Amino acid sequence: MLLHDILAVPAREHPDRVAVVCPDFAGASLTFGQLDGDSAALAAALGARGVSPGGRVAIVAHNRVEYVVALYGVPRSGRVLVPLNPRLHPREWAQQLARSGTELVLADPDLTSGLAEFWDGPVVAFDGPGWEALLDEGRAATSAGAPSDAVDALDAVGSASDADLAWLLFTSGSTGRPKGVRLTHRSLAAGMRTTLACRPVHDDTVFLTPFPLCHVAGAYQVPMHHMRGRPVVIVRKYDPAALPKLVEEHGVTSMSLAPTMIDALLAQDGVARLRGRVRSIGYGASAISPELLARTAEVLGCDLGQGFGSTELCGNAVFLTADDHRDPALLAAAGRPGPGVGLRILDDAWAELPTGTVGEICVRADQVCDGYWEDDDANAAAFRDGWFRTGDLGRLDADGYLFVVDRKKDIVISGGENVSAREVEGVLRGHAGVRDVAVIGVPDARWGERVCAVVVPTDPQDPPSEEALTALCRSRLAGFKVPRVVHFVDELPATGTGKVSKPALRERFAAGL
């Protein structure tokens, strides 16, 4: 299956049904018929503009309906879409544009001036004559505006194989320098099918995602719901205060949120209005506390589903289902692999470890990406015989449930002992005065690294004492795991998918030592 094939059935059977709506842009929306037609026009236009077959077309924009057109239209033409994070510095955009060999950029008008400082290639801005002219060129090139005619006209230049690249997504860089991940039509479709098998989309589902479409967490769930002919609501920026009203106005029945987003939503006055409307919430991106899970179930009364995945896996590959969430013994698990997903725990030499032993989580499945963009060293380290090393440490129990221990790079090595940041964070979250926390390693002349806790207090005016927090840790953890320093902050820096940016924390607090 090619990515744009997803639109064929809903565009034919439900051409007037809304496919995507973005309330932030005066309620801009596209029906399935319009989305199919515009994506076909964009595909034809890229050829008319001279973008080489297989060439890269980048997009620098916030969530908007035109973004969804590009998700389908660029790979529909046999080119590769390169979504860039709009929150990055223009210099970082330029670096990723150069690394990917981009030939054309699609951009939000308010971002074009910053882009122009570092990029002298062609740019087409949305909300202006440039974008409409581009689509008109495509429609003219197909000699008709009908999607079927456009598809026929593109057969000669469109993707010939589902092994072709569709998107080139840069990782969030939460543990280091972002890498370009090669996502094919085949791997993306496989990732969507895996999620659909474990997190069903119903005939009346209306899905909302606040995740940026430049991240796989946002991007793959749009066509995934379109596979079932269901509409998707996308928002430019997550605003928990506005969410209850959006749910009511658009009939939203399911959402995907990071734990930090769920926590912020539960703090809103109008959140009780969502009970009975929102039937399911999928979460992921970072660990979630049992306390937050319990509050979510109590306040919203909806099904919860966890997903474990990554950009390299084209979404999620391991799932803790709604039924699993009803068993308190499983709430610490990440879940079990979806259909067709192989899961192993390996050591550094790629040897499989016994059940219950902690090692690196490795996955083999059709949804595994085609490797990293022009990075032989990273490919050699992460891929072998179809297996992908996720960079996460975990263990499997006798029933096949995966328990994630930590990011491999989040292990703090202090005095030769390995300290799991995730384990220490779990203890600290049990203190009533801790709303959120991130644990990092900072340089230490004697021990190599010292354990450092960065805490967001529940009440900024009355934060818990450092002594109280370290005493809690001493009561539950080995002495070498207890934080040697505690910092209090108003909020933790986060990536667009809600993950805490630990490189930013290390840079901030290591510099002070």
Protein backbone atom coordinates (compact mmCIF):
# COMPACT_ATOMS: atom_id res chain seq x y z
CA MET A 1 0.00 0.00 0.00
CA LEU A 2 1.17 3.49 -0.90
CA LEU A 3 0.39 6.25 1.57
CA HIS A 4 -2.09 8.07 -0.66
CA ASP A 5 -3.98 4.82 -1.33
CA ILE A 6 -5.44 5.29 2.15
CA LEU A 7 -7.58 8.13 0.79
CA ALA A 8 -9.04 6.18 -2.12
CA VAL A 9 -11.92 4.46 -0.31
CA PRO A 10 -13.15 7.33 1.91
CA ALA A 11 -12.77 9.81 -0.97
CA ARG A 12 -14.98 7.58 -3.12
CA GLU A 13 -17.51 6.45 -0.51
CA HIS A 14 -17.64 9.54 1.75
CA PRO A 15 -16.31 12.45 -0.32
CA ASP A 16 -18.20 15.06 1.73
CA ARG A 17 -17.21 13.72 5.15
CA VAL A 18 -14.74 15.88 7.05
CA ALA A 19 -11.27 14.32 7.00
CA VAL A 20 -9.35 16.92 8.98
CA VAL A 21 -10.21 20.11 10.84
CA CYS A 22 -7.91 22.64 12.51
CA PRO A 23 -9.91 24.93 14.83
CA ASP A 24 -6.93 27.27 15.28
CA PHE A 25 -7.27 28.53 11.71
CA ALA A 26 -10.88 29.74 11.80
CA GLY A 27 -12.08 26.15 11.74
CA ALA A 28 -10.29 25.33 8.48
CA SER A 29 -11.22 21.85 7.29
CA LEU A 30 -11.01 19.51 4.32
CA THR A 31 -13.36 16.72 3.32
CA PHE A 32 -11.98 13.42 2.10
CA GLY A 33 -12.80 14.42 -1.47
CA GLN A 34 -10.98 17.75 -1.08
CA LEU A 35 -7.99 16.16 0.66
CA ASP A 36 -7.62 13.57 -2.07
CA GLY A 37 -7.91 16.21 -4.79
CA ASP A 38 -5.49 18.67 -3.17
CA SER A 39 -2.90 16.00 -2.45
CA ALA A 40 -3.08 14.85 -6.08
CA ALA A 41 -2.70 18.45 -7.25
CA LEU A 42 0.32 19.00 -5.00
CA ALA A 43 1.89 15.79 -6.29
CA ALA A 44 1.54 16.90 -9.89
CA ALA A 45 2.78 20.42 -9.10
CA LEU A 46 6.06 19.17 -7.63
CA GLY A 47 6.88 17.56 -10.94
CA ALA A 48 5.89 20.73 -12.79
CA ARG A 49 8.17 22.76 -10.49
CA GLY A 50 11.09 20.54 -11.34
CA VAL A 51 11.61 18.80 -8.00
CA SER A 52 13.60 15.71 -8.91
CA PRO A 53 12.03 12.25 -8.52
CA GLY A 54 12.92 11.04 -5.06
CA GLY A 55 13.87 14.61 -4.12
CA ARG A 56 13.15 16.04 -0.69
CA VAL A 57 10.47 18.61 0.03
CA ALA A 58 10.57 20.05 3.55
CA ILE A 59 7.75 21.58 5.55
CA VAL A 60 8.26 24.10 8.36
CA ALA A 61 4.84 24.78 9.82
CA HIS A 62 2.55 24.43 12.79
CA ASN A 63 -0.35 22.00 12.57
CA ARG A 64 -2.77 23.05 9.83
CA VAL A 65 -4.89 21.32 7.18
CA GLU A 66 -2.35 22.10 4.44
CA TYR A 67 0.18 20.08 6.43
CA VAL A 68 -2.02 17.01 6.01
CA VAL A 69 -2.18 17.67 2.27
CA ALA A 70 1.61 17.57 2.25
CA LEU A 71 1.75 14.34 4.30
CA TYR A 72 -0.01 12.62 1.42
CA GLY A 73 0.83 14.78 -1.59
CA VAL A 74 4.61 14.86 -1.45
CA PRO A 75 5.11 11.07 -1.28
CA ARG A 76 2.26 10.68 -3.76
CA SER A 77 4.54 12.36 -6.29
CA GLY A 78 7.44 10.03 -5.63
CA ARG A 79 9.21 12.69 -3.56
CA VAL A 80 10.07 12.57 0.16
CA LEU A 81 8.50 14.85 2.77
CA VAL A 82 10.88 16.24 5.40
CA PRO A 83 8.86 17.68 8.34
CA LEU A 84 10.93 20.11 10.44
CA ASN A 85 10.10 21.19 13.96
CA PRO A 86 8.78 24.79 13.86
CA ARG A 87 10.14 25.35 17.37
CA LEU A 88 13.76 24.95 16.27
CA HIS A 89 16.10 27.86 15.60
CA PRO A 90 16.31 28.79 11.89
CA ARG A 91 19.97 27.78 11.95
CA GLU A 92 18.86 24.28 12.98
CA TRP A 93 16.35 24.21 10.11
CA ALA A 94 19.15 25.10 7.72
CA GLN A 95 21.31 22.29 9.05
CA GLN A 96 18.56 19.72 8.53
CA LEU A 97 17.69 21.13 5.12
CA ALA A 98 21.32 20.75 4.10
CA ARG A 99 21.64 17.25 5.58
CA SER A 100 18.53 16.07 3.73
CA GLY A 101 19.36 17.77 0.44
CA THR A 102 16.00 19.56 0.37
CA GLU A 103 14.97 21.17 -2.93
CA LEU A 104 11.79 23.01 -1.91
CA VAL A 105 10.32 24.24 1.39
CA LEU A 106 6.65 24.64 2.30
CA ALA A 107 6.27 27.02 5.25
CA ASP A 108 3.99 29.00 7.53
CA PRO A 109 4.16 32.70 6.54
CA ASP A 110 5.27 33.74 10.04
CA LEU A 111 8.27 31.42 9.81
CA THR A 112 9.55 32.38 6.36
CA SER A 113 11.52 35.46 7.48
CA GLY A 114 13.56 33.45 9.96
CA LEU A 115 14.07 30.75 7.36
CA ALA A 116 15.29 33.27 4.79
CA GLU A 117 18.26 34.21 7.01
CA PHE A 118 19.78 30.77 6.54
CA TRP A 119 18.10 29.27 3.44
CA ASP A 120 18.23 30.72 -0.07
CA GLY A 121 16.31 27.95 -1.83
CA PRO A 122 12.71 28.14 -3.09
CA VAL A 123 9.98 28.56 -0.46
CA VAL A 124 6.20 28.35 -0.89
CA ALA A 125 4.25 30.01 1.92
CA PHE A 126 0.81 28.91 3.06
CA ASP A 127 -1.98 31.49 3.46
CA GLY A 128 -0.97 33.25 0.30
CA PRO A 129 -1.00 33.18 -3.50
CA GLY A 130 2.06 30.90 -3.59
CA TRP A 131 0.27 27.87 -2.17
CA GLU A 132 -2.86 28.32 -4.28
CA ALA A 133 -0.72 28.87 -7.37
CA LEU A 134 1.15 25.66 -6.64
CA LEU A 135 -2.07 23.66 -6.40
CA ASP A 136 -3.44 25.34 -9.54
CA GLU A 137 -0.30 24.30 -11.42
CA GLY A 138 -0.91 20.74 -10.31
CA ARG A 139 -4.52 20.81 -11.37
CA ALA A 140 -3.54 22.20 -14.75
CA ALA A 141 -0.87 19.53 -15.15
CA THR A 142 -3.46 16.81 -14.69
CA SER A 143 -5.84 18.50 -17.15
CA ALA A 144 -8.68 18.05 -14.63
CA GLY A 145 -9.33 18.56 -10.95
CA ALA A 146 -10.82 15.09 -10.38
CA PRO A 147 -8.68 12.97 -8.08
CA SER A 148 -9.01 9.89 -10.29
CA ASP A 149 -7.66 11.77 -13.30
CA ALA A 150 -4.82 13.13 -11.19
CA VAL A 151 -3.84 9.67 -10.02
CA ASP A 152 -3.84 8.33 -13.57
CA ALA A 153 -1.64 11.21 -14.71
CA LEU A 154 0.84 10.53 -11.89
CA ASP A 155 1.38 6.85 -12.60
CA ALA A 156 4.55 7.58 -14.56
CA VAL A 157 6.18 9.66 -11.83
CA GLY A 158 4.53 8.40 -8.64
CA SER A 159 6.05 5.95 -6.19
CA ALA A 160 6.55 2.61 -7.92
CA SER A 161 7.04 0.59 -4.75
CA ASP A 162 5.92 0.62 -1.15
CA ALA A 163 9.63 0.26 -0.30
CA ASP A 164 10.18 3.86 -1.46
CA LEU A 165 10.71 6.56 1.12
CA ALA A 166 7.62 8.58 2.05
CA TRP A 167 8.79 10.72 4.98
CA LEU A 168 12.18 11.62 6.40
CA LEU A 169 11.61 12.54 10.04
CA PHE A 170 14.29 13.88 12.33
CA THR A 171 14.23 12.47 15.85
CA SER A 172 13.41 14.83 18.70
CA GLY A 173 16.98 14.80 19.95
CA SER A 174 15.84 14.09 23.51
CA THR A 175 19.06 12.14 24.08
CA GLY A 176 21.43 13.84 21.63
CA ARG A 177 21.84 15.05 18.02
CA PRO A 178 18.69 14.46 15.92
CA LYS A 179 18.98 11.71 13.32
CA GLY A 180 17.08 11.55 10.04
CA VAL A 181 14.83 8.47 10.04
CA ARG A 182 13.87 6.89 6.69
CA LEU A 183 10.17 5.95 6.76
CA THR A 184 8.82 4.02 3.78
CA HIS A 185 5.23 3.61 2.60
CA ARG A 186 5.41 -0.02 3.75
CA SER A 187 6.79 0.67 7.22
CA LEU A 188 4.28 3.45 7.86
CA ALA A 189 1.32 1.32 6.76
CA ALA A 190 2.56 -1.54 8.95
CA GLY A 191 2.82 0.76 11.97
CA MET A 192 -0.72 2.00 11.43
CA ARG A 193 -2.12 -1.53 11.13
CA THR A 194 -0.35 -2.62 14.31
CA THR A 195 -1.89 0.25 16.28
CA LEU A 196 -5.34 -0.31 14.80
CA ALA A 197 -5.20 -3.95 15.91
CA CYS A 198 -4.47 -2.95 19.51
CA ARG A 199 -6.28 0.36 19.78
CA PRO A 200 -9.46 0.02 17.69
CA VAL A 201 -11.02 2.91 15.78
CA HIS A 202 -14.82 2.69 15.75
CA ASP A 203 -17.37 3.75 13.16
CA ASP A 204 -18.21 6.89 15.13
CA THR A 205 -14.69 7.80 16.30
CA VAL A 206 -13.60 11.43 16.10
CA PHE A 207 -9.95 11.66 17.05
CA LEU A 208 -8.03 14.66 18.41
CA THR A 209 -4.26 14.96 18.55
CA PRO A 210 -2.29 17.88 19.99
CA PHE A 211 1.03 16.41 18.88
CA PRO A 212 2.96 18.34 16.20
CA LEU A 213 2.75 16.73 12.79
CA CYS A 214 6.53 17.05 12.52
CA HIS A 215 6.73 14.17 15.04
CA VAL A 216 5.68 10.62 14.29
CA ALA A 217 3.32 10.66 17.31
CA GLY A 218 1.18 13.21 15.49
CA ALA A 219 1.85 12.38 11.86
CA TYR A 220 1.12 8.65 11.66
CA GLN A 221 -2.16 8.83 13.59
CA VAL A 222 -3.78 11.06 10.97
CA PRO A 223 -3.64 8.56 8.06
CA MET A 224 -4.20 5.75 10.57
CA HIS A 225 -7.68 7.15 11.36
CA HIS A 226 -8.24 7.89 7.69
CA MET A 227 -7.74 4.14 7.07
CA ARG A 228 -11.05 3.76 8.88
CA GLY A 229 -12.61 6.78 7.17
CA ARG A 230 -12.76 8.77 10.39
CA PRO A 231 -12.13 12.51 10.93
CA VAL A 232 -9.16 13.95 12.82
CA VAL A 233 -9.00 17.22 14.78
CA ILE A 234 -5.53 18.78 14.90
CA VAL A 235 -4.56 21.75 17.04
CA ARG A 236 -1.71 24.21 16.60
CA LYS A 237 -0.73 24.10 20.27
CA TYR A 238 -1.92 22.09 23.22
CA ASP A 239 -4.16 24.22 25.43
CA PRO A 240 -5.73 22.16 28.25
CA ALA A 241 -8.13 24.98 29.15
CA ALA A 242 -9.58 24.99 25.61
CA LEU A 243 -9.82 21.22 25.27
CA PRO A 244 -13.27 20.65 26.87
CA LYS A 245 -14.86 23.12 24.46
CA LEU A 246 -13.11 21.54 21.45
CA VAL A 247 -14.38 18.12 22.48
CA GLU A 248 -17.95 19.40 22.64
CA GLU A 249 -17.82 21.39 19.39
CA HIS A 250 -16.32 18.61 17.27
CA GLY A 251 -17.76 15.53 18.95
CA VAL A 252 -14.33 14.19 19.90
CA THR A 253 -14.47 10.63 21.27
CA SER A 254 -10.77 9.75 21.56
CA MET A 255 -7.48 11.54 22.08
CA SER A 256 -3.78 10.87 22.29
CA LEU A 257 -1.89 12.72 25.03
CA ALA A 258 1.45 12.64 26.81
CA PRO A 259 1.30 12.15 30.60
CA THR A 260 2.21 15.80 31.18
CA MET A 261 -0.74 16.81 28.99
CA ILE A 262 -3.12 14.55 30.92
CA ASP A 263 -1.95 16.04 34.20
CA ALA A 264 -2.56 19.57 32.90
CA LEU A 265 -6.00 18.61 31.59
CA LEU A 266 -7.14 17.19 34.93
CA ALA A 267 -6.31 20.51 36.57
CA GLN A 268 -8.89 22.37 34.43
CA ASP A 269 -12.25 23.46 35.86
CA GLY A 270 -14.24 22.16 32.90
CA VAL A 271 -12.65 18.74 32.70
CA ALA A 272 -15.68 17.00 34.21
CA ARG A 273 -17.62 17.83 31.03
CA LEU A 274 -15.48 15.30 29.17
CA ARG A 275 -16.81 12.35 31.15
CA GLY A 276 -19.06 10.30 28.91
CA ARG A 277 -17.87 12.16 25.79
CA VAL A 278 -14.25 11.03 25.58
CA ARG A 279 -14.30 7.23 25.56
CA SER A 280 -10.58 6.56 25.26
CA ILE A 281 -7.22 8.23 25.74
CA GLY A 282 -4.01 6.81 24.39
CA TYR A 283 -0.85 7.91 26.14
CA GLY A 284 2.87 7.41 25.72
CA ALA A 285 6.10 9.39 25.16
CA SER A 286 7.17 9.06 28.82
CA ALA A 287 6.47 7.22 32.05
CA ILE A 288 3.20 7.80 33.87
CA SER A 289 2.63 7.46 37.60
CA PRO A 290 -0.01 5.11 39.06
CA GLU A 291 -1.46 8.13 40.87
CA LEU A 292 -2.06 9.98 37.59
CA LEU A 293 -3.61 6.88 36.04
CA ALA A 294 -5.97 6.56 39.00
CA ARG A 295 -6.99 10.23 38.84
CA THR A 296 -7.62 9.97 35.09
CA ALA A 297 -9.87 6.95 35.53
CA GLU A 298 -11.71 8.62 38.41
CA VAL A 299 -12.29 12.00 36.72
CA LEU A 300 -12.88 10.94 33.12
CA GLY A 301 -14.02 7.33 33.47
CA CYS A 302 -12.64 6.47 30.03
CA ASP A 303 -10.56 3.61 28.65
CA LEU A 304 -6.81 4.12 28.76
CA GLY A 305 -4.24 2.63 26.42
CA GLN A 306 -0.47 2.93 26.53
CA GLY A 307 1.80 2.74 23.52
CA PHE A 308 5.55 2.17 23.43
CA GLY A 309 7.28 3.11 20.21
CA SER A 310 9.52 5.60 18.43
CA THR A 311 10.11 7.40 15.17
CA GLU A 312 12.15 4.41 13.98
CA LEU A 313 9.13 2.15 14.60
CA CYS A 314 6.70 4.37 12.68
CA GLY A 315 4.66 4.79 15.84
CA ASN A 316 3.87 2.26 18.53
CA ALA A 317 4.80 -1.42 18.58
CA VAL A 318 3.98 -2.44 22.18
CA PHE A 319 0.60 -1.82 23.82
CA LEU A 320 -0.98 -1.91 27.25
CA THR A 321 -4.64 -2.27 26.35
CA ALA A 322 -7.74 -0.96 28.10
CA ASP A 323 -8.34 -4.43 29.57
CA ASP A 324 -4.75 -4.54 30.84
CA HIS A 325 -5.36 -1.26 32.68
CA ARG A 326 -8.06 -2.93 34.74
CA ASP A 327 -5.45 -5.21 36.32
CA PRO A 328 -3.48 -3.18 38.93
CA ALA A 329 -0.59 -5.64 38.68
CA LEU A 330 0.02 -4.59 35.06
CA LEU A 331 0.02 -0.81 35.46
CA ALA A 332 3.81 -0.72 35.69
CA ALA A 333 4.13 -2.56 32.37
CA ALA A 334 4.46 -1.02 28.92
CA GLY A 335 2.40 -3.84 27.44
CA ARG A 336 2.83 -6.67 24.96
CA PRO A 337 3.94 -6.47 21.32
CA GLY A 338 1.31 -5.97 18.66
CA PRO A 339 0.59 -8.49 15.88
CA GLY A 340 3.63 -9.20 13.75
CA VAL A 341 6.04 -7.51 16.17
CA GLY A 342 9.04 -9.47 17.41
CA LEU A 343 10.45 -8.35 20.75
CA ARG A 344 13.71 -9.39 22.40
CA ILE A 345 15.90 -8.23 25.26
CA LEU A 346 19.52 -8.25 24.08
CA ASP A 347 22.92 -7.52 25.57
CA ASP A 348 25.52 -5.28 23.94
CA ALA A 349 26.75 -8.20 21.81
CA TRP A 350 23.24 -8.79 20.35
CA ALA A 351 22.80 -11.97 22.41
CA GLU A 352 19.32 -12.66 23.79
CA LEU A 353 18.96 -12.47 27.57
CA PRO A 354 16.83 -14.74 29.78
CA THR A 355 13.29 -13.82 30.83
CA GLY A 356 13.35 -11.28 33.65
CA THR A 357 16.85 -9.99 32.85
CA VAL A 358 17.29 -6.30 32.08
CA GLY A 359 18.83 -5.47 28.72
CA GLU A 360 18.21 -3.38 25.62
CA ILE A 361 14.74 -3.60 24.07
CA CYS A 362 15.00 -4.69 20.44
CA VAL A 363 12.23 -4.95 17.85
CA ARG A 364 11.84 -6.71 14.51
CA ALA A 365 8.74 -5.95 12.42
CA ASP A 366 7.60 -4.62 9.05
CA GLN A 367 7.11 -1.25 10.73
CA VAL A 368 10.82 -0.85 11.49
CA CYS A 369 12.20 2.05 9.45
CA ASP A 370 14.66 1.76 6.57
CA GLY A 371 17.52 3.06 8.70
CA TYR A 372 19.04 6.48 9.29
CA TRP A 373 19.70 9.04 6.59
CA GLU A 374 23.35 8.96 5.49
CA ASP A 375 24.63 7.76 8.87
CA ASP A 376 26.55 4.52 8.47
CA ASP A 377 27.84 4.43 12.04
CA ALA A 378 24.37 4.87 13.55
CA ASN A 379 22.95 2.22 11.19
CA ALA A 380 25.65 -0.29 12.10
CA ALA A 381 25.03 0.29 15.81
CA ALA A 382 21.22 0.14 15.72
CA PHE A 383 20.24 -2.36 12.99
CA ARG A 384 21.16 -6.00 12.40
CA ASP A 385 19.29 -8.81 10.63
CA GLY A 386 16.05 -6.86 10.74
CA TRP A 387 16.35 -6.10 14.47
CA PHE A 388 16.39 -2.53 15.77
CA ARG A 389 17.98 -1.48 19.05
CA THR A 390 15.58 1.02 20.62
CA GLY A 391 18.04 2.53 23.10
CA ASP A 392 15.64 1.63 25.94
CA LEU A 393 16.40 -0.81 28.73
CA GLY A 394 13.74 -3.23 29.86
CA ARG A 395 12.79 -6.78 30.77
CA LEU A 396 10.13 -9.29 29.74
CA ASP A 397 8.08 -11.30 32.21
CA ALA A 398 6.87 -14.87 31.74
CA ASP A 399 3.62 -13.67 30.14
CA GLY A 400 5.41 -11.57 27.53
CA TYR A 401 4.74 -8.17 29.12
CA LEU A 402 7.45 -5.59 28.64
CA PHE A 403 8.63 -3.49 31.59
CA VAL A 404 10.69 -0.46 30.59
CA VAL A 405 13.49 0.34 33.03
CA ASP A 406 14.95 3.48 31.46
CA ARG A 407 16.53 5.06 28.43
CA LYS A 408 19.99 3.56 28.03
CA LYS A 409 21.44 7.06 27.89
CA ASP A 410 19.52 8.04 31.03
CA ILE A 411 21.50 5.65 33.18
CA VAL A 412 23.59 7.68 35.61
CA ILE A 413 26.94 6.05 36.39
CA SER A 414 28.05 7.19 39.83
CA GLY A 415 31.09 5.62 41.42
CA GLY A 416 30.86 2.71 38.99
CA GLU A 417 27.25 1.94 39.92
CA ASN A 418 24.39 2.20 37.42
CA VAL A 419 21.48 4.34 38.59
CA SER A 420 18.19 4.30 36.68
CA ALA A 421 16.87 7.84 36.42
CA ARG A 422 13.39 6.44 35.87
CA GLU A 423 13.51 4.45 39.13
CA VAL A 424 14.51 7.50 41.18
CA GLU A 425 11.87 9.62 39.44
CA GLY A 426 9.22 7.05 40.36
CA VAL A 427 10.08 7.33 44.05
CA LEU A 428 10.12 11.14 44.02
CA ARG A 429 6.74 11.30 42.27
CA GLY A 430 5.32 9.54 45.30
CA HIS A 431 5.86 12.70 47.38
CA ALA A 432 2.74 14.87 47.56
CA GLY A 433 4.85 17.99 47.08
CA VAL A 434 6.25 16.81 43.74
CA ARG A 435 4.20 17.52 40.64
CA ASP A 436 6.86 16.42 38.16
CA VAL A 437 10.53 15.49 38.26
CA ALA A 438 13.45 14.62 36.02
CA VAL A 439 16.63 12.93 37.22
CA ILE A 440 19.92 13.46 35.40
CA GLY A 441 23.59 12.84 35.91
CA VAL A 442 25.87 15.84 36.32
CA PRO A 443 29.69 15.80 36.34
CA ASP A 444 31.45 15.02 39.60
CA ALA A 445 35.22 15.03 40.03
CA ARG A 446 35.21 12.15 42.48
CA TRP A 447 32.30 9.93 41.40
CA GLY A 448 32.23 10.66 37.66
CA GLU A 449 28.57 11.64 37.88
CA ARG A 450 26.30 12.61 40.73
CA VAL A 451 22.54 12.02 40.78
CA CYS A 452 20.66 15.29 40.34
CA ALA A 453 16.88 15.70 40.71
CA VAL A 454 15.11 18.60 38.99
CA VAL A 455 11.71 19.01 40.66
CA VAL A 456 8.53 20.90 39.74
CA PRO A 457 6.78 21.43 43.08
CA THR A 458 3.04 21.00 43.49
CA ASP A 459 2.93 24.33 45.31
CA PRO A 460 5.67 26.69 44.10
CA GLN A 461 5.14 28.83 47.20
CA ASP A 462 5.73 25.93 49.54
CA PRO A 463 8.06 23.38 47.90
CA PRO A 464 9.18 20.30 49.82
CA SER A 465 12.60 20.50 51.42
CA GLU A 466 15.58 18.86 49.80
CA GLU A 467 16.05 16.89 53.02
CA ALA A 468 12.50 15.50 52.84
CA LEU A 469 13.00 14.32 49.27
CA THR A 470 16.36 12.70 49.90
CA ALA A 471 14.99 11.04 53.04
CA LEU A 472 12.15 9.55 50.97
CA CYS A 473 14.68 8.16 48.50
CA ARG A 474 16.86 6.73 51.28
CA SER A 475 13.83 4.91 52.67
CA ARG A 476 13.26 3.11 49.36
CA LEU A 477 16.52 3.07 47.40
CA ALA A 478 20.14 2.10 47.80
CA GLY A 479 22.33 4.91 49.09
CA PHE A 480 24.17 5.43 45.78
CA LYS A 481 20.83 6.12 44.05
CA VAL A 482 19.82 8.98 46.34
CA PRO A 483 20.05 12.43 44.67
CA ARG A 484 23.05 14.40 45.86
CA VAL A 485 21.54 17.68 44.68
CA VAL A 486 17.96 18.88 44.12
CA HIS A 487 16.92 21.85 41.99
CA PHE A 488 13.42 23.36 41.92
CA VAL A 489 12.01 24.78 38.67
CA ASP A 490 8.66 26.11 37.45
CA GLU A 491 8.52 23.63 34.57
CA LEU A 492 10.63 21.04 32.81
CA PRO A 493 11.80 21.71 29.23
CA ALA A 494 9.97 19.43 26.82
CA THR A 495 10.12 18.31 23.22
CA GLY A 496 7.07 18.65 20.98
CA THR A 497 5.82 15.19 21.98
CA GLY A 498 5.89 15.97 25.69
CA LYS A 499 9.16 14.21 26.48
CA VAL A 500 11.43 15.95 28.95
CA SER A 501 14.49 17.34 27.18
CA LYS A 502 17.24 15.99 29.39
CA PRO A 503 20.04 17.43 27.22
CA ALA A 504 18.63 20.89 28.02
CA LEU A 505 18.61 20.07 31.73
CA ARG A 506 22.15 18.71 31.63
CA GLU A 507 23.35 21.79 29.81
CA ARG A 508 21.66 24.08 32.33
CA PHE A 509 22.66 22.39 35.57
CA ALA A 510 26.01 20.86 34.61
CA ALA A 511 27.21 24.32 33.62
CA GLY A 512 26.64 25.52 37.17
CA LEU A 513 29.07 22.95 38.59
